[in-house]
Amino acid sequence: ALAATTTARSNAYSGQDKTTPKATKLPPKELAKRVEKDLVENQFLATANFDRTLYDEACTFQDEIDTYELDKFIKGTSNLFVADRSHVDLASPVTASNESVEFKFKEDLCFNIPFKPTVFVSGR
């Protein structure tokens, strides 16, 4: 189960990096819509492919094991999962406020180890 804790502002997609200007002061509804796109279309929980402009560079991602800084989440997720054999579905609407973004999800994650096991996970 992974949760993003952020002052809402994310990977490496379309050449974005730490220096790409952030999408600040988005209305919560627009922020939720853009995060939902990253979840559904970009499958960011399994691919680390997301709109980095939405996330503050100091944001963290948390699962039941640890809390990860943005760059460590990107590197770890990119290396740990086989993106084209993993899939994420939303299990609730994405909601956003000025302080956080929340959602529930279900995912089948294929691990990038020799026999490529797939594990079902759900969380918020």
Protein backbone atom coordinates (compact mmCIF):
# COMPACT_ATOMS: atom_id res chain seq x y z
CA ALA A 1 0.00 0.00 0.00
CA LEU A 2 1.50 3.25 -1.11
CA ALA A 3 0.50 6.75 -0.09
CA ALA A 4 1.85 10.02 -1.38
CA THR A 5 2.43 12.71 1.19
CA THR A 6 3.00 15.99 -0.52
CA THR A 7 2.25 19.61 -0.83
CA ALA A 8 0.91 18.50 -4.12
CA ARG A 9 3.35 19.06 -6.93
CA SER A 10 6.36 13.77 -9.85
CA ASN A 11 8.97 10.87 -12.84
CA ALA A 12 10.67 11.36 -15.25
CA TYR A 13 8.35 11.77 -18.05
CA SER A 14 8.79 13.82 -21.16
CA GLY A 15 12.20 14.94 -20.05
CA GLN A 16 11.03 16.44 -16.77
CA ASP A 17 13.55 16.74 -13.99
CA LYS A 18 14.08 18.72 -10.80
CA THR A 19 14.50 21.95 -12.75
CA THR A 20 11.19 21.74 -14.65
CA PRO A 21 8.84 24.45 -13.32
CA LYS A 22 6.19 23.13 -10.94
CA ALA A 23 2.45 23.33 -11.58
CA THR A 24 1.71 25.40 -8.49
CA LYS A 25 -1.60 26.67 -7.22
CA LEU A 26 -3.72 24.17 -9.16
CA PRO A 27 -7.29 23.99 -7.93
CA PRO A 28 -7.79 20.72 -6.01
CA LYS A 29 -10.19 19.39 -8.66
CA GLU A 30 -7.62 19.92 -11.45
CA LEU A 31 -4.86 18.40 -9.33
CA ALA A 32 -7.00 15.30 -8.67
CA LYS A 33 -7.74 14.98 -12.40
CA ARG A 34 -4.03 15.13 -13.32
CA VAL A 35 -3.02 12.64 -10.61
CA GLU A 36 -5.79 10.30 -11.79
CA LYS A 37 -4.32 10.47 -15.32
CA ASP A 38 -0.92 9.50 -13.94
CA LEU A 39 -2.48 6.58 -12.07
CA VAL A 40 -4.72 5.26 -14.85
CA GLU A 41 -2.91 6.15 -18.07
CA ASN A 42 0.71 6.27 -16.96
CA GLN A 43 0.38 3.50 -14.32
CA PHE A 44 2.84 5.46 -12.19
CA LEU A 45 2.70 3.16 -9.16
CA ALA A 46 4.19 0.39 -11.32
CA THR A 47 6.21 2.47 -13.80
CA ALA A 48 7.32 5.63 -11.92
CA ASN A 49 6.21 7.48 -15.05
CA PHE A 50 4.37 10.54 -13.81
CA ASP A 51 4.06 14.28 -14.13
CA ARG A 52 6.84 15.51 -11.90
CA THR A 53 5.51 19.07 -12.10
CA LEU A 54 2.67 18.05 -9.76
CA TYR A 55 4.95 17.10 -6.86
CA ASP A 56 7.17 19.14 -4.61
CA GLU A 57 10.74 17.83 -4.70
CA ALA A 58 10.47 17.26 -0.93
CA CYS A 59 7.39 15.01 -1.21
CA THR A 60 7.52 11.43 0.03
CA PHE A 61 5.83 8.19 -0.96
CA GLN A 62 5.01 5.71 1.77
CA ASP A 63 4.20 2.00 1.78
CA GLU A 64 3.92 -0.46 4.65
CA ILE A 65 7.69 -0.93 4.71
CA ASP A 66 9.24 2.52 4.37
CA THR A 67 8.95 6.13 3.23
CA TYR A 68 10.70 7.10 0.02
CA GLU A 69 11.91 10.45 -1.22
CA LEU A 70 10.87 11.33 -4.77
CA ASP A 71 14.07 10.31 -6.57
CA LYS A 72 14.36 7.07 -4.56
CA PHE A 73 10.72 6.22 -5.38
CA ILE A 74 11.42 6.75 -9.09
CA LYS A 75 14.62 4.71 -9.08
CA GLY A 76 13.25 1.92 -6.90
CA THR A 77 9.94 1.54 -8.74
CA SER A 78 11.64 1.64 -12.15
CA ASN A 79 14.04 -1.13 -11.13
CA LEU A 80 11.72 -3.29 -9.03
CA PHE A 81 8.73 -3.83 -11.35
CA VAL A 82 8.25 -5.02 -14.94
CA ALA A 83 6.07 -2.18 -16.22
CA ASP A 84 4.46 -3.98 -19.17
CA ARG A 85 3.47 -6.96 -16.97
CA SER A 86 2.12 -4.88 -14.05
CA HIS A 87 -1.23 -3.09 -13.82
CA VAL A 88 -2.84 -0.57 -11.43
CA ASP A 89 -6.58 0.16 -11.04
CA LEU A 90 -8.18 2.88 -8.96
CA ALA A 91 -10.42 1.54 -6.18
CA SER A 92 -11.75 4.99 -5.23
CA PRO A 93 -11.89 8.45 -6.71
CA VAL A 94 -8.77 10.60 -6.40
CA THR A 95 -9.42 13.42 -3.96
CA ALA A 96 -7.20 16.43 -3.46
CA SER A 97 -6.95 19.33 -1.06
CA ASN A 98 -4.34 22.03 -0.62
CA GLU A 99 -2.44 19.66 1.71
CA SER A 100 -2.65 16.19 0.16
CA VAL A 101 -3.85 13.85 -2.56
CA GLU A 102 -5.54 10.59 -1.58
CA PHE A 103 -6.83 7.52 -3.41
CA LYS A 104 -7.27 3.77 -3.02
CA PHE A 105 -5.87 1.35 -5.55
CA LYS A 106 -5.49 -2.30 -6.52
CA GLU A 107 -2.50 -3.52 -8.46
CA ASP A 108 -0.86 -6.60 -9.89
CA LEU A 109 2.88 -6.05 -9.67
CA CYS A 110 5.31 -8.18 -11.66
CA PHE A 111 8.67 -8.17 -9.90
CA ASN A 112 11.86 -7.80 -11.91
CA ILE A 113 13.57 -10.92 -10.55
CA PRO A 114 14.46 -14.12 -12.43
CA PHE A 115 11.11 -15.94 -12.40
CA LYS A 116 9.02 -12.69 -12.69
CA PRO A 117 6.35 -13.36 -10.02
CA THR A 118 3.21 -11.21 -10.01
CA VAL A 119 1.69 -10.19 -6.67
CA PHE A 120 -1.70 -8.56 -5.98
CA VAL A 121 -1.56 -5.52 -3.68
CA SER A 122 -4.17 -3.00 -2.58
CA GLY A 123 -3.87 0.12 -0.50
CA ARG A 124 -4.43 3.82 -0.17
